């Protein structure tokens, strides 16, 4: 049933003629007038329904509150009727006024419709992308990049080329996001192009490897940098303390995002500003050091370069991890205002900013620290701060912690929507589609999306997690660019608000194939495990989606009902 007609019927049905404290009205005495009013109201409703259906809208006022106000108004006017007038006469006149007010109510969104709201503007999108990209990567990855490239010059080249590669991929995602304006990002595009099985495999891969690994890395980096100023520079924070702080961070972020998308984006805006400021501090300090004539670390920049293709591809893994999140806004397209304009603009503004800031930050690192110092440091930014800021070095640790916190917050905003869309398409349990009736957030998806990262916090080596994350992310990008090319061939006349030059997806495809295949030589075990999990998704799909066991559906229904009662949430409502 159309919500427009449904809402107006609720108003008419809730009008309590016989429940007021005034004398009871006899319906039979005004049957002719009621019939006339009914026909008039029906015509008004039909016209209003047609208009509102086109606008996907209904009257702005909350219907229950509006009905209550109208009943109060009628009761008041009837009680104040002048002597000699009968309640029936007043009722007939006032009922006409009431329904005239309802039929003339201006159109607008349904205030109590439980769905994800379009509340994000251009700068919210920019802060989300920048906040997710600038996380732990720029503070953790420089040493890994230098390790596999062997020289300062090749390291800087890899950082710049990665930025240009992500810009190329972002243009492809801008075309996909405006052509398929659905939340879910890569999952939605692969589902549209190749069907449910590849989409399910990507979804399961994200939920078991990519998202948990990335979130665990961010949380552990946050805890390490937050605790580092408390301990001497020669002593690492205790293992247990780091894990406890990381777990507390996850819990706090879950609370923030369950409280509403506006609250989550305000936090994201704040931390996006802080992390850009932190990198500007590093850049200014580094260039000040160079201005004093200290450029010896940048001389002979290509000396010691490793030209092995597998090593260079592995170095790309580290820089791609630092740039990961450039396609994150595509995951929440349905909550973005005017996505056809704001999505590509937000992507362009964010990536240009990040490429410039990342390049200058790495130059600052290499200007101040020798390659040996960078390779020996577990926290490059902290080592940099100790060298340049002296007693104020703790500020860098605080900035880095803020940066990774903002990254994890934005990550949960976007990836919980991916899980929500997957459940809406029937690839995940139905209880993950539940939305809080007051905050309009996918509360069950937000809670469930952090369960696996809690266990991944126990991983002793961040490098293995980085391999899982980079491989799964690159494989997803590979399938997405294939989806773009396939849709260009399969549906060439489809409306595309943005249509990029064909060379961009081809270049991005070749680069993605390179970084997916060559690191297998360097880290075969980690890549093999990731590929095995990917293939296991076929077994899961067959038993959970294809066969559809009755007892599994019954269990999921019970879990759904339990979550509705516990978390005060319902399934998404949509205007037909």
Protein backbone atom coordinates (compact mmCIF):
# COMPACT_ATOMS: atom_id res chain seq x y z
CA UNK A 1 0.00 0.00 0.00
CA UNK A 2 1.24 3.47 -0.79
CA UNK A 3 2.36 5.26 2.35
CA UNK A 4 0.69 8.44 1.15
CA UNK A 5 -2.77 6.89 1.17
CA UNK A 6 -1.94 4.85 4.23
CA UNK A 7 -0.97 7.89 6.28
CA UNK A 8 -4.09 9.87 5.36
CA UNK A 9 -6.29 6.91 6.17
CA UNK A 10 -4.63 6.79 9.56
CA UNK A 11 -5.66 10.39 10.14
CA UNK A 12 -9.27 9.80 9.16
CA UNK A 13 -9.54 6.58 11.14
CA UNK A 14 -8.07 8.16 14.24
CA UNK A 15 -10.61 10.99 14.33
CA UNK A 16 -12.64 10.02 17.46
CA UNK A 17 -16.11 11.42 16.87
CA UNK A 18 -17.64 9.51 19.76
CA UNK A 19 -14.74 9.70 22.17
CA UNK A 20 -14.82 13.43 23.03
CA UNK A 21 -16.17 14.77 26.27
CA UNK A 22 -18.79 16.73 24.33
CA UNK A 23 -22.23 15.31 23.44
CA UNK A 24 -22.03 12.26 21.12
CA UNK A 25 -22.68 12.95 17.46
CA UNK A 26 -25.29 10.88 15.63
CA UNK A 27 -23.83 9.80 12.28
CA UNK A 28 -27.26 9.15 10.74
CA UNK A 29 -28.33 12.79 10.98
CA UNK A 30 -25.48 13.96 8.78
CA UNK A 31 -25.26 11.08 6.34
CA UNK A 32 -25.86 13.25 3.29
CA UNK A 33 -23.25 15.75 4.36
CA UNK A 34 -20.84 12.97 5.25
CA UNK A 35 -21.34 11.38 1.84
CA UNK A 36 -20.59 14.69 0.13
CA UNK A 37 -17.55 15.22 2.32
CA UNK A 38 -16.41 11.64 1.66
CA UNK A 39 -16.52 12.16 -2.10
CA UNK A 40 -14.69 15.46 -1.75
CA UNK A 41 -12.09 13.93 0.53
CA UNK A 42 -11.66 10.98 -1.85
CA UNK A 43 -10.96 13.33 -4.76
CA UNK A 44 -8.55 15.35 -2.63
CA UNK A 45 -6.81 12.18 -1.52
CA UNK A 46 -6.49 10.86 -5.05
CA UNK A 47 -4.99 14.13 -6.28
CA UNK A 48 -2.67 14.42 -3.30
CA UNK A 49 -1.67 10.77 -3.60
CA UNK A 50 -0.73 11.20 -7.24
CA UNK A 51 1.39 14.25 -6.46
CA UNK A 52 3.03 12.70 -3.44
CA UNK A 53 3.67 9.40 -5.21
CA UNK A 54 5.65 11.30 -7.84
CA UNK A 55 7.61 13.06 -5.11
CA UNK A 56 7.83 9.99 -2.87
CA UNK A 57 6.41 12.20 -0.13
CA UNK A 58 3.45 12.83 2.17
CA UNK A 59 2.47 15.67 4.51
CA UNK A 60 5.30 16.99 6.62
CA UNK A 61 3.50 16.88 9.97
CA UNK A 62 3.57 13.71 12.02
CA UNK A 63 0.15 12.25 11.30
CA UNK A 64 -0.55 11.01 14.81
CA UNK A 65 0.34 14.40 16.25
CA UNK A 66 -1.70 16.18 13.55
CA UNK A 67 -4.76 14.07 14.27
CA UNK A 68 -4.46 14.77 17.99
CA UNK A 69 -4.22 18.52 17.37
CA UNK A 70 -7.26 18.46 15.08
CA UNK A 71 -9.36 16.56 17.61
CA UNK A 72 -8.36 19.06 20.31
CA UNK A 73 -9.28 21.94 18.00
CA UNK A 74 -12.69 20.48 17.17
CA UNK A 75 -13.44 19.78 20.84
CA UNK A 76 -12.49 23.31 21.80
CA UNK A 77 -14.58 24.95 19.07
CA UNK A 78 -17.61 22.79 19.79
CA UNK A 79 -17.42 23.57 23.51
CA UNK A 80 -17.12 27.29 22.70
CA UNK A 81 -20.03 27.27 20.26
CA UNK A 82 -22.40 30.21 20.75
CA UNK A 83 -25.82 29.55 22.30
CA UNK A 84 -28.40 28.34 19.83
CA UNK A 85 -26.03 26.39 17.59
CA UNK A 86 -26.13 22.60 17.81
CA UNK A 87 -23.12 20.30 18.10
CA UNK A 88 -24.09 18.68 14.78
CA UNK A 89 -23.91 21.99 12.95
CA UNK A 90 -20.51 22.74 14.43
CA UNK A 91 -19.29 19.24 13.71
CA UNK A 92 -20.31 19.41 10.07
CA UNK A 93 -18.57 22.74 9.57
CA UNK A 94 -15.42 21.87 11.50
CA UNK A 95 -14.96 18.45 9.92
CA UNK A 96 -14.83 20.20 6.53
CA UNK A 97 -12.15 22.54 7.86
CA UNK A 98 -10.15 19.65 9.30
CA UNK A 99 -10.05 17.61 6.11
CA UNK A 100 -9.38 20.68 4.02
CA UNK A 101 -6.31 21.26 6.18
CA UNK A 102 -5.19 17.66 5.67
CA UNK A 103 -5.69 17.72 1.89
CA UNK A 104 -3.84 21.04 1.56
CA UNK A 105 -0.88 19.99 3.69
CA UNK A 106 2.40 20.61 1.77
CA UNK A 107 4.27 17.54 0.55
CA UNK A 108 7.46 16.39 2.28
CA UNK A 109 9.25 13.30 3.60
CA UNK A 110 7.46 10.95 5.97
CA UNK A 111 8.84 11.87 9.39
CA UNK A 112 8.22 8.52 11.03
CA UNK A 113 9.18 6.30 8.08
CA UNK A 114 11.89 3.94 9.32
CA UNK A 115 14.64 4.05 6.70
CA UNK A 116 18.16 5.36 6.21
CA UNK A 117 17.89 9.13 5.76
CA UNK A 118 19.57 11.29 3.08
CA UNK A 119 21.43 13.56 5.50
CA UNK A 120 24.98 13.72 4.08
CA UNK A 121 26.13 16.68 1.99
CA UNK A 122 29.23 17.29 -0.12
CA UNK A 123 31.58 18.14 2.76
CA UNK A 124 30.29 15.25 4.83
CA UNK A 125 31.30 13.03 1.92
CA UNK A 126 34.72 14.68 1.69
CA UNK A 127 35.34 14.22 5.42
CA UNK A 128 34.29 10.57 5.25
CA UNK A 129 36.67 9.79 2.38
CA UNK A 130 39.61 11.75 3.83
CA UNK A 131 38.88 10.39 7.29
CA UNK A 132 38.97 6.79 6.04
CA UNK A 133 41.98 7.14 3.73
CA UNK A 134 44.21 8.96 6.23
CA UNK A 135 44.49 6.38 8.97
CA UNK A 136 47.27 4.15 10.17
CA UNK A 137 48.71 3.56 6.69
CA UNK A 138 50.69 6.80 6.32
CA UNK A 139 52.25 6.15 9.76
CA UNK A 140 52.86 2.39 9.41
CA UNK A 141 53.51 1.80 5.70
CA UNK A 142 56.60 3.96 4.91
CA UNK A 143 58.98 1.43 6.48
CA UNK A 144 57.42 -1.48 4.55
CA UNK A 145 57.56 0.44 1.27
CA UNK A 146 61.23 1.27 1.81
CA UNK A 147 61.96 -2.34 2.75
CA UNK A 148 60.68 -3.73 -0.57
CA UNK A 149 61.88 -0.90 -2.86
CA UNK A 150 65.34 -0.44 -1.35
CA UNK A 151 65.70 3.30 -2.00
CA UNK A 152 64.20 6.67 -1.17
CA UNK A 153 63.56 7.57 -4.81
CA UNK A 154 61.70 4.38 -5.65
CA UNK A 155 59.66 4.66 -2.43
CA UNK A 156 58.48 8.16 -3.37
CA UNK A 157 57.74 6.94 -6.90
CA UNK A 158 55.56 4.12 -5.56
CA UNK A 159 53.62 6.57 -3.37
CA UNK A 160 52.93 8.92 -6.30
CA UNK A 161 52.04 6.14 -8.76
CA UNK A 162 49.66 4.62 -6.19
CA UNK A 163 47.95 7.98 -5.84
CA UNK A 164 47.48 8.26 -9.59
CA UNK A 165 46.26 4.65 -9.70
CA UNK A 166 43.63 5.30 -7.05
CA UNK A 167 42.55 8.45 -8.90
CA UNK A 168 42.03 6.35 -12.03
CA UNK A 169 40.04 3.80 -10.05
CA UNK A 170 38.04 6.56 -8.39
CA UNK A 171 36.93 7.85 -11.77
CA UNK A 172 35.70 4.35 -12.62
CA UNK A 173 33.83 4.15 -9.32
CA UNK A 174 32.30 7.58 -9.96
CA UNK A 175 30.78 6.24 -13.19
CA UNK A 176 29.51 3.10 -11.44
CA UNK A 177 28.15 5.03 -8.45
CA UNK A 178 26.16 7.49 -10.57
CA UNK A 179 24.95 4.77 -12.95
CA UNK A 180 23.90 2.44 -10.08
CA UNK A 181 22.96 4.84 -7.23
CA UNK A 182 22.69 2.15 -4.56
CA UNK A 183 24.50 1.73 -1.28
CA UNK A 184 26.86 -1.20 -0.99
CA UNK A 185 29.62 -0.01 -3.31
CA UNK A 186 31.49 -2.83 -5.03
CA UNK A 187 28.98 -5.43 -3.86
CA UNK A 188 26.09 -3.61 -5.54
CA UNK A 189 28.00 -3.15 -8.80
CA UNK A 190 29.16 -6.77 -9.03
CA UNK A 191 25.64 -7.95 -8.21
CA UNK A 192 24.27 -5.80 -11.03
CA UNK A 193 26.87 -6.96 -13.57
CA UNK A 194 27.60 -10.60 -12.74
CA UNK A 195 24.75 -11.83 -10.56
CA UNK A 196 24.38 -13.10 -7.00
CA UNK A 197 27.19 -15.68 -6.71
CA UNK A 198 30.18 -13.38 -7.43
CA UNK A 199 28.52 -10.66 -5.35
CA UNK A 200 28.09 -13.05 -2.41
CA UNK A 201 31.73 -14.16 -2.65
CA UNK A 202 32.92 -10.55 -2.55
CA UNK A 203 30.57 -9.78 0.33
CA UNK A 204 31.76 -12.76 2.37
CA UNK A 205 35.37 -11.88 1.54
CA UNK A 206 34.85 -8.34 2.81
CA UNK A 207 33.14 -9.46 6.00
CA UNK A 208 35.67 -12.15 6.90
CA UNK A 209 38.97 -10.61 5.74
CA UNK A 210 39.00 -7.08 4.35
CA UNK A 211 36.84 -5.24 6.89
CA UNK A 212 37.97 -7.07 10.05
CA UNK A 213 41.67 -6.91 9.09
CA UNK A 214 41.56 -3.21 8.30
CA UNK A 215 39.67 -2.44 11.49
CA UNK A 216 42.01 -4.52 13.64
CA UNK A 217 45.06 -2.76 12.17
CA UNK A 218 43.52 0.66 12.85
CA UNK A 219 42.59 -0.20 16.42
CA UNK A 220 45.99 -1.69 17.25
CA UNK A 221 47.76 1.31 15.71
CA UNK A 222 45.51 3.67 17.69
CA UNK A 223 46.29 1.88 20.94
CA UNK A 224 50.04 1.72 20.22
CA UNK A 225 50.35 5.43 19.47
CA UNK A 226 48.09 6.43 22.35
CA UNK A 227 50.15 4.44 24.85
CA UNK A 228 53.59 5.16 23.38
CA UNK A 229 54.13 8.52 25.21
CA UNK A 230 53.53 6.76 28.55
CA UNK A 231 56.46 4.39 28.09
CA UNK A 232 60.14 5.14 27.46
CA UNK A 233 61.16 5.44 23.81
CA UNK A 234 63.12 2.19 24.02
CA UNK A 235 60.19 0.23 25.42
CA UNK A 236 57.07 -0.88 23.52
CA UNK A 237 53.65 -0.72 25.22
CA UNK A 238 52.63 -4.05 26.83
CA UNK A 239 50.78 -6.50 24.58
CA UNK A 240 47.74 -6.76 26.89
CA UNK A 241 47.43 -2.99 27.36
CA UNK A 242 47.44 -2.39 23.60
CA UNK A 243 44.73 -4.99 23.02
CA UNK A 244 42.51 -3.69 25.83
CA UNK A 245 42.69 -0.11 24.60
CA UNK A 246 41.95 -1.27 21.04
CA UNK A 247 38.88 -3.19 22.24
CA UNK A 248 37.64 -0.16 24.20
CA UNK A 249 38.02 1.95 21.04
CA UNK A 250 35.83 -0.46 19.09
CA UNK A 251 33.10 -0.29 21.74
CA UNK A 252 33.15 3.52 21.75
CA UNK A 253 32.87 3.73 17.96
CA UNK A 254 29.91 1.31 17.98
CA UNK A 255 28.11 3.56 20.49
CA UNK A 256 28.80 6.69 18.42
CA UNK A 257 27.44 5.20 15.21
CA UNK A 258 24.42 3.59 16.83
CA UNK A 259 23.45 7.06 18.10
CA UNK A 260 22.76 8.43 14.61
CA UNK A 261 24.41 9.19 11.27
CA UNK A 262 24.64 12.91 12.10
CA UNK A 263 26.50 12.22 15.33
CA UNK A 264 28.82 9.83 13.50
CA UNK A 265 29.57 12.32 10.72
CA UNK A 266 30.18 15.16 13.20
CA UNK A 267 32.79 12.99 14.89
CA UNK A 268 34.18 12.14 11.46
CA UNK A 269 34.41 15.81 10.46
CA UNK A 270 36.29 16.65 13.65
CA UNK A 271 38.85 13.87 13.31
CA UNK A 272 39.30 14.51 9.58
CA UNK A 273 40.39 18.07 10.40
CA UNK A 274 42.69 16.84 13.19
CA UNK A 275 44.45 14.29 11.00
CA UNK A 276 45.06 16.80 8.20
CA UNK A 277 46.45 19.24 10.77
CA UNK A 278 48.74 16.50 12.13
CA UNK A 279 50.18 15.80 8.70
CA UNK A 280 50.62 19.53 8.04
CA UNK A 281 52.68 19.75 11.25
CA UNK A 282 54.94 16.94 9.97
CA UNK A 283 55.22 18.57 6.53
CA UNK A 284 56.08 22.00 7.93
CA UNK A 285 58.68 20.55 10.30
CA UNK A 286 60.25 18.47 7.52
CA UNK A 287 60.48 21.30 5.03
CA UNK A 288 61.84 23.61 7.72
CA UNK A 289 64.57 21.02 8.29
CA UNK A 290 65.33 20.96 4.54
CA UNK A 291 65.38 24.76 4.40
CA UNK A 292 68.29 24.66 6.83
CA UNK A 293 70.27 22.72 4.24
CA UNK A 294 69.67 19.14 5.48
CA UNK A 295 69.01 17.39 2.17
CA UNK A 296 71.65 14.67 2.37
CA UNK A 297 69.04 11.90 2.78
CA UNK A 298 67.45 12.86 -0.55
CA UNK A 299 70.70 12.76 -2.51
CA UNK A 300 71.43 9.65 -4.58
CA UNK A 301 67.78 8.82 -4.11
CA UNK A 302 67.76 5.75 -6.39
CA UNK A 303 70.78 4.09 -4.81
CA UNK A 304 70.02 0.53 -3.66
CA UNK A 305 66.77 0.22 -5.62
CA UNK A 306 65.29 -3.30 -5.85
CA UNK A 307 63.92 -3.82 -9.37
CA UNK A 308 62.21 -7.16 -8.74
CA UNK A 309 58.63 -7.05 -9.98
CA UNK A 310 57.36 -9.13 -7.06
CA UNK A 311 59.07 -6.79 -4.56
CA UNK A 312 57.65 -3.70 -6.25
CA UNK A 313 54.17 -5.25 -6.28
CA UNK A 314 54.48 -6.04 -2.56
CA UNK A 315 55.51 -2.43 -1.93
CA UNK A 316 52.33 -1.42 -3.76
CA UNK A 317 50.40 -3.48 -1.21
CA UNK A 318 51.59 -1.18 1.57
CA UNK A 319 50.82 2.03 -0.30
CA UNK A 320 47.46 0.73 -1.48
CA UNK A 321 46.64 -0.02 2.16
CA UNK A 322 47.51 3.60 3.01
CA UNK A 323 45.16 4.78 0.23
CA UNK A 324 42.41 2.28 1.03
CA UNK A 325 39.04 3.92 1.50
CA UNK A 326 39.05 6.06 -1.64
CA UNK A 327 35.90 4.22 -2.77
CA UNK A 328 34.21 4.26 0.63
CA UNK A 329 31.56 6.88 -0.16
CA UNK A 330 30.06 4.54 -2.76
CA UNK A 331 28.97 2.32 0.14
CA UNK A 332 26.53 4.94 1.48
CA UNK A 333 25.20 6.46 -1.75
CA UNK A 334 21.57 6.14 -0.59
CA UNK A 335 22.28 8.46 2.37
CA UNK A 336 24.02 11.10 0.23
CA UNK A 337 22.11 14.16 -0.91
CA UNK A 338 22.14 14.61 -4.70
CA UNK A 339 24.59 11.73 -5.29
CA UNK A 340 24.87 12.47 -9.02
CA UNK A 341 26.71 15.70 -8.20
CA UNK A 342 28.13 15.18 -4.71
CA UNK A 343 29.62 11.69 -5.19
CA UNK A 344 32.11 12.55 -7.99
CA UNK A 345 32.90 15.95 -6.47
CA UNK A 346 33.64 14.47 -3.05
CA UNK A 347 35.87 11.78 -4.61
CA UNK A 348 37.83 14.35 -6.67
CA UNK A 349 38.34 16.84 -3.81
CA UNK A 350 39.36 14.13 -1.35
CA UNK A 351 41.83 12.27 -3.55
CA UNK A 352 43.63 15.36 -4.83
CA UNK A 353 44.04 16.50 -1.21
CA UNK A 354 45.32 13.12 -0.02
CA UNK A 355 47.79 12.62 -2.90
CA UNK A 356 49.40 16.01 -2.22
CA UNK A 357 49.50 15.53 1.55
CA UNK A 358 50.88 11.95 1.34
CA UNK A 359 53.66 12.92 -1.09
CA UNK A 360 54.77 15.88 1.01
CA UNK A 361 54.61 13.83 4.23
CA UNK A 362 56.92 11.16 2.83
CA UNK A 363 59.37 13.79 1.61
CA UNK A 364 59.37 15.21 5.14
CA UNK A 365 60.02 11.76 6.62
CA UNK A 366 63.00 11.11 4.32
CA UNK A 367 64.39 14.60 4.83
CA UNK A 368 64.62 14.14 8.61
CA UNK A 369 65.20 10.39 9.07
CA UNK A 370 67.78 8.18 7.40
CA UNK A 371 66.60 5.02 5.61
CA UNK A 372 68.10 2.93 8.41
CA UNK A 373 66.12 4.83 11.04
CA UNK A 374 62.89 4.43 9.09
CA UNK A 375 63.43 0.68 8.65
CA UNK A 376 64.18 0.26 12.38
CA UNK A 377 61.14 2.26 13.52
CA UNK A 378 57.79 0.68 14.35
CA UNK A 379 56.24 4.15 14.59
CA UNK A 380 57.81 6.39 11.95
CA UNK A 381 55.79 9.46 12.89
CA UNK A 382 56.76 9.18 16.57
CA UNK A 383 60.43 8.81 15.67
CA UNK A 384 60.07 11.87 13.44
CA UNK A 385 58.43 13.82 16.27
CA UNK A 386 61.17 12.88 18.74
CA UNK A 387 63.78 14.22 16.32
CA UNK A 388 62.03 17.46 15.38
CA UNK A 389 59.68 18.46 18.22
CA UNK A 390 61.65 17.49 21.32
CA UNK A 391 59.49 17.62 24.45
CA UNK A 392 56.38 18.15 22.30
CA UNK A 393 56.86 14.84 20.49
CA UNK A 394 53.88 13.41 22.37
CA UNK A 395 51.64 15.63 20.21
CA UNK A 396 52.49 13.48 17.19
CA UNK A 397 51.44 10.34 19.04
CA UNK A 398 48.16 12.00 19.98
CA UNK A 399 47.57 13.15 16.40
CA UNK A 400 48.27 9.67 15.06
CA UNK A 401 45.85 8.15 17.55
CA UNK A 402 43.18 10.65 16.50
CA UNK A 403 43.87 9.86 12.86
CA UNK A 404 43.37 6.13 13.28
CA UNK A 405 40.27 6.69 15.44
CA UNK A 406 38.67 8.76 12.68
CA UNK A 407 39.63 6.12 10.14
CA UNK A 408 37.94 3.37 12.14
CA UNK A 409 34.85 5.52 12.73
CA UNK A 410 34.38 6.23 9.02
CA UNK A 411 35.08 2.60 8.23
CA UNK A 412 32.22 1.46 10.44
CA UNK A 413 29.87 4.07 8.93
CA UNK A 414 30.42 2.70 5.43
CA UNK A 415 30.96 -1.02 6.02
CA UNK A 416 27.92 -1.43 8.26
CA UNK A 417 25.88 -0.18 5.28
CA UNK A 418 27.52 -2.82 3.10
CA UNK A 419 26.39 -5.48 5.54
CA UNK A 420 22.93 -3.91 5.66
CA UNK A 421 22.59 -3.97 1.86
CA UNK A 422 23.82 -7.56 1.70
CA UNK A 423 21.11 -8.60 4.15
CA UNK A 424 18.51 -6.60 2.22
CA UNK A 425 19.42 -8.56 -0.92
CA UNK A 426 19.00 -11.86 0.95
CA UNK A 427 22.69 -12.77 1.16
CA UNK A 428 22.92 -12.26 4.92
CA UNK A 429 20.54 -12.93 7.84
CA UNK A 430 17.41 -10.79 7.91
CA UNK A 431 18.12 -9.35 11.37
CA UNK A 432 20.96 -7.31 9.82
CA UNK A 433 18.36 -5.18 7.97
CA UNK A 434 16.90 -3.81 11.21
CA UNK A 435 16.92 -0.02 11.71
CA UNK A 436 16.57 1.79 15.01
CA UNK A 437 13.16 3.48 15.07
CA UNK A 438 14.47 6.68 16.67
CA UNK A 439 18.07 7.10 15.42
CA UNK A 440 17.48 5.62 11.92
CA UNK A 441 20.75 3.65 12.01
CA UNK A 442 21.31 -0.01 10.98
CA UNK A 443 22.03 -0.86 14.59
CA UNK A 444 22.36 -4.64 14.23
CA UNK A 445 24.78 -4.30 11.31
CA UNK A 446 26.89 -1.78 13.25
CA UNK A 447 27.15 -4.14 16.22
CA UNK A 448 27.85 -7.27 14.17
CA UNK A 449 30.47 -5.63 11.96
CA UNK A 450 32.92 -5.40 14.90
CA UNK A 451 32.62 -8.99 16.17
CA UNK A 452 35.37 -10.52 14.00
CA UNK A 453 37.81 -7.60 14.59
CA UNK A 454 37.62 -8.34 18.33
CA UNK A 455 39.18 -11.75 17.66
CA UNK A 456 41.66 -10.39 15.10
CA UNK A 457 43.08 -8.09 17.78
CA UNK A 458 44.92 -11.15 19.06
CA UNK A 459 47.00 -11.43 15.85
CA UNK A 460 50.69 -10.92 16.73
CA UNK A 461 51.80 -9.66 13.30
CA UNK A 462 50.31 -6.66 11.54
CA UNK A 463 52.15 -7.60 8.35
CA UNK A 464 50.06 -10.74 7.82
CA UNK A 465 46.87 -8.76 8.34
CA UNK A 466 48.11 -6.18 5.84
CA UNK A 467 48.61 -8.91 3.22
CA UNK A 468 45.06 -10.20 3.72
CA UNK A 469 43.62 -6.68 3.51
CA UNK A 470 45.51 -5.61 0.39
CA UNK A 471 44.84 -8.81 -1.54
CA UNK A 472 41.11 -8.81 -0.87
CA UNK A 473 40.78 -5.10 -1.63
CA UNK A 474 42.68 -5.36 -4.90
CA UNK A 475 40.66 -8.40 -5.98
CA UNK A 476 37.45 -6.47 -5.33
CA UNK A 477 38.68 -3.51 -7.39
CA UNK A 478 39.60 -5.91 -10.20
CA UNK A 479 36.05 -7.31 -10.33
CA UNK A 480 34.55 -3.82 -10.17
CA UNK A 481 36.48 -2.53 -13.16
CA UNK A 482 35.53 -5.70 -15.03
CA UNK A 483 31.90 -4.94 -14.09
CA UNK A 484 32.23 -1.46 -15.58
CA UNK A 485 33.65 -2.81 -18.83
CA UNK A 486 31.02 -5.56 -18.99
CA UNK A 487 28.17 -3.10 -18.48
CA UNK A 488 29.65 -0.85 -21.18
CA UNK A 489 29.41 -3.84 -23.55
CA UNK A 490 26.15 -5.38 -22.27
CA UNK A 491 24.15 -2.18 -21.80
CA UNK A 492 25.76 0.60 -23.87
CA UNK A 493 22.61 2.78 -23.94
CA UNK A 494 22.17 2.87 -20.17
CA UNK A 495 22.00 6.34 -18.64
CA UNK A 496 25.44 7.31 -17.30
CA UNK A 497 25.61 10.77 -15.68
CA UNK A 498 29.41 10.35 -15.76
CA UNK A 499 31.15 8.38 -18.51
CA UNK A 500 34.93 8.22 -18.21
CA UNK A 501 37.38 7.72 -21.04
CA UNK A 502 37.66 4.00 -21.84
CA UNK A 503 41.41 4.11 -21.30
CA UNK A 504 40.99 4.75 -17.56
CA UNK A 505 39.29 1.44 -16.72
CA UNK A 506 41.72 -0.44 -18.99
CA UNK A 507 44.76 1.15 -17.29
CA UNK A 508 43.28 0.49 -13.85
CA UNK A 509 42.54 -3.12 -14.85
CA UNK A 510 46.15 -3.75 -15.90
CA UNK A 511 47.57 -2.19 -12.73
CA UNK A 512 45.18 -4.17 -10.55
CA UNK A 513 46.07 -7.45 -12.26
CA UNK A 514 49.73 -6.64 -11.59
CA UNK A 515 49.31 -6.01 -7.85
CA UNK A 516 47.03 -9.05 -7.44
CA UNK A 517 49.28 -11.62 -9.10
CA UNK A 518 52.93 -10.75 -8.44
CA UNK A 519 52.89 -10.63 -4.60
CA UNK A 520 52.00 -14.34 -4.59
CA UNK A 521 55.74 -15.00 -5.06
CA UNK A 522 56.67 -12.92 -1.99
CA UNK A 523 53.92 -14.00 0.44
CA UNK A 524 52.40 -17.23 -0.89
CA UNK A 525 51.03 -18.48 2.45
CA UNK A 526 49.03 -15.36 3.31
CA UNK A 527 47.69 -15.04 -0.26
CA UNK A 528 46.84 -18.75 -0.30
CA UNK A 529 44.85 -18.43 2.92
CA UNK A 530 42.96 -15.44 1.54
CA UNK A 531 42.18 -17.28 -1.70
CA UNK A 532 41.04 -20.35 0.27
CA UNK A 533 38.60 -18.26 2.29
CA UNK A 534 37.33 -16.75 -0.95
CA UNK A 535 36.61 -20.20 -2.40
CA UNK A 536 34.98 -21.39 0.83
CA UNK A 537 32.33 -18.80 0.12
CA UNK A 538 30.99 -21.09 -2.61
CA UNK A 539 30.26 -23.81 -0.04
CA UNK A 540 28.62 -21.31 2.29
CA UNK A 541 26.51 -19.93 -0.56
CA UNK A 542 25.29 -23.41 -1.56
CA UNK A 543 24.16 -24.42 1.92
CA UNK A 544 22.83 -21.09 3.17
CA UNK A 545 21.45 -19.33 0.09
CA UNK A 546 20.78 -22.01 -2.53
CA UNK A 547 19.30 -24.78 -0.34
CA UNK A 548 17.48 -22.52 2.15
CA UNK A 549 16.95 -24.95 5.02
CA UNK A 550 13.67 -24.40 6.84
CA UNK A 551 15.12 -24.74 10.32
CA UNK A 552 17.76 -22.09 9.51
CA UNK A 553 15.00 -19.67 8.46
CA UNK A 554 13.11 -20.37 11.68
CA UNK A 555 16.20 -19.71 13.78
CA UNK A 556 16.92 -16.46 11.90
CA UNK A 557 13.31 -15.34 12.43
CA UNK A 558 13.62 -15.90 16.17
CA UNK A 559 16.89 -13.97 16.26
CA UNK A 560 15.25 -11.16 14.28
CA UNK A 561 12.33 -10.91 16.70
CA UNK A 562 14.70 -10.98 19.68
CA UNK A 563 16.80 -8.15 18.20
CA UNK A 564 13.67 -6.09 17.51
CA UNK A 565 12.62 -6.32 21.14
CA UNK A 566 16.09 -5.85 22.59
CA UNK A 567 17.33 -2.98 20.38
CA UNK A 568 14.02 -1.22 19.58
CA UNK A 569 14.40 -1.61 15.81
CA UNK A 570 12.32 -2.71 12.82
CA UNK A 571 12.87 -3.62 9.18
CA UNK A 572 13.24 -0.85 6.63
CA UNK A 573 10.06 0.79 5.34
CA UNK A 574 9.84 2.14 1.82
CA UNK A 575 7.35 4.34 -0.02
CA UNK A 576 5.95 2.39 -2.96
